[in-house]
Protein backbone atom coordinates (compact mmCIF):
# COMPACT_ATOMS: atom_id res chain seq x y z
CA MET A 1 0.00 0.00 0.00
CA LYS A 2 1.43 3.36 -1.06
CA VAL A 3 0.09 6.60 0.39
CA LEU A 4 1.03 10.12 -0.69
CA ILE A 5 0.32 13.02 1.64
CA LEU A 6 0.18 16.30 -0.27
CA ASN A 7 0.44 19.13 2.27
CA PHE A 8 -0.64 22.57 1.10
CA GLY A 9 -0.44 24.23 4.51
CA PHE A 10 0.98 27.66 5.17
CA GLY A 11 2.81 26.91 8.37
CA HIS A 12 3.68 24.58 11.16
CA THR A 13 0.25 23.16 12.07
CA SER A 14 -0.65 21.34 8.85
CA LEU A 15 2.94 20.12 8.53
CA ALA A 16 2.81 18.75 12.09
CA CYS A 17 -0.55 17.08 11.36
CA ALA A 18 0.78 15.53 8.14
CA GLN A 19 3.74 14.15 10.10
CA MET A 20 1.48 12.76 12.85
CA LEU A 21 -0.70 11.06 10.23
CA ARG A 22 2.37 9.62 8.55
CA GLU A 23 3.60 8.18 11.87
CA LYS A 24 0.23 6.55 12.53
CA LEU A 25 0.19 4.80 9.14
CA THR A 26 2.45 1.99 10.28
CA HIS A 27 3.16 -0.93 7.93
CA THR A 28 2.49 1.43 5.05
CA GLU A 29 4.75 3.09 2.52
CA VAL A 30 4.04 6.81 2.99
CA GLU A 31 5.56 9.80 1.24
CA THR A 32 4.93 13.44 2.06
CA LEU A 33 5.21 16.39 -0.31
CA GLN A 34 5.17 19.99 0.90
CA MET A 35 3.22 21.39 -2.03
CA ASN A 36 3.50 25.14 -1.39
CA ARG A 37 7.20 24.80 -2.10
CA SER A 38 6.94 22.09 -4.74
CA GLN A 39 7.05 22.30 -8.48
CA VAL A 40 4.71 19.30 -8.81
CA GLN A 41 1.83 20.48 -10.96
CA ASP A 42 0.09 17.22 -11.80
CA LEU A 43 -1.31 14.50 -9.59
CA PRO A 44 1.60 12.06 -9.10
CA GLU A 45 0.84 8.50 -10.26
CA GLY A 46 1.75 5.24 -8.60
CA TYR A 47 -0.05 5.66 -5.27
CA ASP A 48 -3.02 3.74 -3.91
CA THR A 49 -4.26 6.58 -1.71
CA TYR A 50 -3.81 10.33 -1.65
CA VAL A 51 -4.23 12.58 1.37
CA LEU A 52 -4.58 16.32 0.81
CA GLY A 53 -3.83 18.52 3.79
CA CYS A 54 -4.28 22.25 4.04
CA SER A 55 -4.58 25.11 6.45
CA ILE A 56 -6.85 28.11 6.38
CA HIS A 57 -5.23 31.50 6.31
CA ARG A 58 -7.39 34.58 6.06
CA PHE A 59 -10.41 32.36 5.34
CA ARG A 60 -8.83 30.62 2.32
CA VAL A 61 -6.65 27.70 1.40
CA SER A 62 -3.32 28.57 -0.18
CA LYS A 63 -3.10 29.90 -3.71
CA PRO A 64 -0.90 26.93 -4.76
CA MET A 65 -3.66 24.55 -3.58
CA ARG A 66 -6.40 26.43 -5.43
CA LYS A 67 -4.30 26.39 -8.59
CA TRP A 68 -3.36 22.71 -8.17
CA LEU A 69 -6.99 21.68 -7.59
CA ARG A 70 -8.18 23.53 -10.71
CA ARG A 71 -5.66 21.50 -12.68
CA ASN A 72 -6.14 18.11 -10.96
CA GLU A 73 -9.61 17.92 -9.41
CA GLU A 74 -11.14 15.81 -12.17
CA ARG A 75 -8.40 13.14 -11.95
CA LEU A 76 -8.30 13.29 -8.15
CA CYS A 77 -12.04 12.59 -7.89
CA LEU A 78 -11.45 9.29 -9.70
CA LYS A 79 -8.85 8.22 -7.11
CA ARG A 80 -9.05 7.15 -3.49
CA PHE A 81 -8.34 10.29 -1.50
CA TYR A 82 -8.80 11.94 1.87
CA LEU A 83 -8.84 15.59 2.84
CA PHE A 84 -7.85 17.25 6.09
CA MET A 85 -7.97 20.87 7.06
CA CYS A 86 -6.31 22.77 9.88
CA CYS A 87 -7.89 25.98 11.13
CA GLY A 88 -7.89 27.93 14.36
CA LEU A 89 -11.55 28.93 14.17
CA VAL A 90 -13.13 25.49 14.28
CA ASP A 91 -16.68 26.83 14.49
CA GLN A 92 -16.28 28.09 10.91
CA TYR A 93 -15.10 24.74 9.53
CA GLU A 94 -18.23 24.08 7.41
CA ASP A 95 -18.05 27.59 5.94
CA TYR A 96 -14.39 27.07 5.02
CA LEU A 97 -15.20 23.78 3.28
CA GLU A 98 -18.02 25.34 1.27
CA ALA A 99 -15.95 28.41 0.32
CA ASN A 100 -12.80 26.53 -0.71
CA PHE A 101 -13.83 23.18 -2.22
CA SER A 102 -16.29 22.11 -4.86
CA PRO A 103 -19.20 19.88 -3.85
CA ARG A 104 -17.88 17.20 -6.22
CA LEU A 105 -14.50 17.14 -4.49
CA LEU A 106 -16.07 16.92 -1.02
CA GLU A 107 -18.45 14.14 -2.10
CA SER A 108 -15.65 12.15 -3.78
CA ALA A 109 -13.37 12.16 -0.73
CA ARG A 110 -13.36 9.01 1.40
CA MET A 111 -13.16 11.24 4.48
CA VAL A 112 -13.01 14.97 5.11
CA SER A 113 -11.72 15.87 8.53
CA LEU A 114 -10.86 18.86 10.68
CA PHE A 115 -7.52 18.32 12.41
CA GLY A 116 -7.93 21.43 14.55
CA GLY A 117 -5.47 24.25 14.61
CA GLU A 118 -3.11 26.25 16.74
CA LEU A 119 -2.80 29.96 17.38
CA LYS A 120 0.88 30.36 18.23
CA PRO A 121 2.12 33.87 17.46
CA GLU A 122 5.70 32.83 18.28
CA MET A 123 5.63 30.49 15.25
CA GLU A 124 4.66 33.29 12.84
CA LYS A 125 6.46 36.24 11.28
CA GLY A 126 5.51 39.83 10.52
CA TRP A 127 1.86 40.63 9.92
CA ASN A 128 0.83 37.00 10.45
CA ARG A 129 2.34 37.09 13.94
CA PHE A 130 0.33 40.19 14.82
CA SER A 131 -2.91 38.73 13.33
CA VAL A 132 -2.55 35.49 15.29
CA PHE A 133 -1.76 37.41 18.48
CA VAL A 134 -4.90 39.56 18.09
CA LEU A 135 -7.09 36.54 17.32
CA ARG A 136 -5.74 34.67 20.33
CA ARG A 137 -6.35 37.71 22.60
CA ARG A 138 -9.93 37.98 21.33
CA ILE A 139 -10.58 34.39 22.36
CA LEU A 140 -8.97 34.82 25.77
CA ASP A 141 -10.62 38.18 26.49
CA ALA A 142 -14.10 37.30 25.25
CA GLU A 143 -16.77 38.76 27.47
CA LEU A 144 -18.77 35.99 29.02
CA PRO A 145 -22.28 36.52 30.39
CA ASN A 146 -21.97 34.04 33.27
CA GLU A 147 -18.43 33.77 34.53
CA GLY A 148 -17.45 30.23 35.40
CA GLU A 149 -19.97 28.48 33.13
CA TYR A 150 -17.70 28.50 30.13
CA THR A 151 -14.10 27.52 29.69
CA ARG A 152 -12.26 29.48 27.05
CA VAL A 153 -10.73 27.09 24.58
CA ILE A 154 -7.65 27.93 22.59
CA PRO A 155 -7.61 25.83 19.41
CA ALA A 156 -5.41 22.75 19.43
CA ILE A 157 -4.49 19.90 17.13
CA GLU A 158 -7.17 17.19 17.28
CA THR A 159 -5.07 14.04 17.62
CA ASP A 160 -8.24 11.89 17.75
CA ALA A 161 -9.23 13.11 14.27
CA ILE A 162 -5.77 12.21 12.96
CA ARG A 163 -6.03 8.75 14.53
CA ARG A 164 -9.52 8.22 13.02
CA MET A 165 -8.26 9.05 9.52
CA ALA A 166 -5.25 6.74 9.91
CA ASP A 167 -7.54 3.96 11.18
CA HIS A 168 -9.89 4.47 8.23
CA ILE A 169 -7.04 4.20 5.73
CA ARG A 170 -5.58 1.09 7.41
CA ASN A 171 -8.99 -0.61 7.69
CA LEU A 172 -9.69 0.02 4.03
CA TYR A 173 -6.52 -1.83 3.09
CA ARG A 174 -7.20 -4.66 5.52
CA GLN A 175 -10.59 -5.20 3.86
CA GLU A 176 -8.98 -5.23 0.42
CA ASP A 177 -6.32 -7.71 1.57
CA LYS A 178 -9.05 -10.11 2.74
CA ASN A 179 -10.73 -10.03 -0.68
């Protein structure tokens, strides 16, 4: 079984999630490509399963991902593929999916999953650092009507979601091996 993880993330979170997924796919040949820095324009052949990973930055996936999907979506929809997204504002996950991916792509995926996100200003540079700092402060300083009834939650990587995707991929291959 050969799996290719195509990571289109902007920063550390989607890269960390891609690495965690790779580590959980034991007994599997897994390759990872960092697509925002890659010259790969076409869907690479020779893999049984593809995993596309991305992060949301200013409400969008990266420009390289949008461009790559325009070029490869038709072929990708004919393959076995999974999609994961990392974003700090998890309550807007459905809106991000609708705004960034075609219905055909979402319906063709074996699984679409939110791997959570992190708001770590120290991992960013320049304007991004300031934006993440402000967003994080807004979450921490949110006015709450009934103090004590709500715990402020800073976004984090959802390791359970990563495990579920890895389990789904492994189980799919186990079923095929039995047939």
